[in-house]
Amino acid sequence: MVIAIESGKPADQVASFVKNYGMTFPVWLDPQITALEIFQNWNLPSSYAIDRDGIVRLSWTGGINQPTLEQYVTPLLEENK
């Protein structure tokens, strides 16, 4: 499952961004920037692959693309079949 967390932006701006880019996955608002504090990462964008046990298996700082996701995340998904 893909989930986006927006840290600090107003809800109306986030809704507009989600609509403009046709995002179909959940986008959670984090106005208090709690997620950044928990991950101790102030670099945006950042991405994480977290397994079913809550363990961070992969992390990226900066943009991520489809080929990278397929190369690194697909094997993790295959582990759980």
Protein backbone atom coordinates (compact mmCIF):
# COMPACT_ATOMS: atom_id res chain seq x y z
CA MET A 1 0.00 0.00 0.00
CA VAL A 2 1.24 3.47 -0.83
CA ILE A 3 0.50 6.29 1.61
CA ALA A 4 1.70 9.87 1.31
CA ILE A 5 2.18 12.11 4.32
CA GLU A 6 2.18 15.86 3.77
CA SER A 7 3.97 17.74 6.52
CA GLY A 8 2.86 21.27 7.17
CA LYS A 9 0.89 22.30 4.09
CA PRO A 10 -2.74 23.47 4.46
CA ALA A 11 -5.44 20.93 3.56
CA ASP A 12 -6.74 22.96 0.61
CA GLN A 13 -3.29 23.10 -1.01
CA VAL A 14 -2.81 19.36 -0.50
CA ALA A 15 -6.24 18.57 -1.96
CA SER A 16 -5.46 20.69 -5.02
CA PHE A 17 -2.07 18.97 -5.50
CA VAL A 18 -3.63 15.50 -5.15
CA LYS A 19 -6.32 16.36 -7.69
CA ASN A 20 -3.89 17.95 -10.18
CA TYR A 21 -1.61 14.91 -10.14
CA GLY A 22 -4.41 12.33 -10.08
CA MET A 23 -3.16 10.61 -6.95
CA THR A 24 -5.25 7.56 -6.12
CA PHE A 25 -3.60 6.56 -2.85
CA PRO A 26 -4.28 8.00 0.62
CA VAL A 27 -2.61 11.31 1.44
CA TRP A 28 -2.51 11.99 5.16
CA LEU A 29 -2.07 15.46 6.58
CA ASP A 30 0.54 16.05 9.26
CA PRO A 31 0.20 19.72 10.25
CA GLN A 32 2.35 19.29 13.36
CA ILE A 33 5.15 17.61 11.30
CA THR A 34 5.13 14.64 13.67
CA ALA A 35 6.19 12.20 10.94
CA LEU A 36 9.36 14.17 10.23
CA GLU A 37 10.18 14.17 13.93
CA ILE A 38 9.58 10.42 14.28
CA PHE A 39 11.76 9.60 11.27
CA GLN A 40 14.29 12.27 12.28
CA ASN A 41 14.51 13.31 8.67
CA TRP A 42 13.96 16.92 7.59
CA ASN A 43 14.77 16.26 3.92
CA LEU A 44 11.83 16.29 1.56
CA PRO A 45 10.73 14.41 -0.33
CA SER A 46 11.60 11.21 1.47
CA SER A 47 10.21 7.73 0.90
CA TYR A 48 10.18 4.62 3.06
CA ALA A 49 9.29 0.97 2.50
CA ILE A 50 7.93 -0.36 5.79
CA ASP A 51 7.12 -4.04 6.12
CA ARG A 52 4.12 -5.61 7.83
CA ASP A 53 6.06 -5.80 11.10
CA GLY A 54 6.68 -2.03 11.06
CA ILE A 55 10.37 -2.34 10.16
CA VAL A 56 11.79 0.24 7.76
CA ARG A 57 13.34 -1.91 5.04
CA LEU A 58 14.30 0.82 2.55
CA SER A 59 14.49 4.61 2.59
CA TRP A 60 15.18 7.29 -0.02
CA THR A 61 15.78 11.00 0.14
CA GLY A 62 14.75 12.89 -2.97
CA GLY A 63 12.43 11.96 -5.79
CA ILE A 64 11.72 8.36 -6.66
CA ASN A 65 10.60 6.87 -9.96
CA GLN A 66 8.84 3.75 -11.19
CA PRO A 67 11.99 1.83 -12.26
CA THR A 68 13.56 2.37 -8.83
CA LEU A 69 10.39 1.21 -7.08
CA GLU A 70 10.25 -1.89 -9.26
CA GLN A 71 13.94 -2.69 -8.68
CA TYR A 72 13.91 -2.36 -4.89
CA VAL A 73 10.31 -2.65 -3.67
CA THR A 74 9.07 -5.48 -5.88
CA PRO A 75 11.47 -8.01 -4.29
CA LEU A 76 10.14 -7.01 -0.86
CA LEU A 77 6.59 -7.60 -2.04
CA GLU A 78 7.58 -11.01 -3.39
CA GLU A 79 8.89 -12.01 0.05
CA ASN A 80 5.36 -11.85 1.46
CA LYS A 81 3.63 -14.07 -1.10
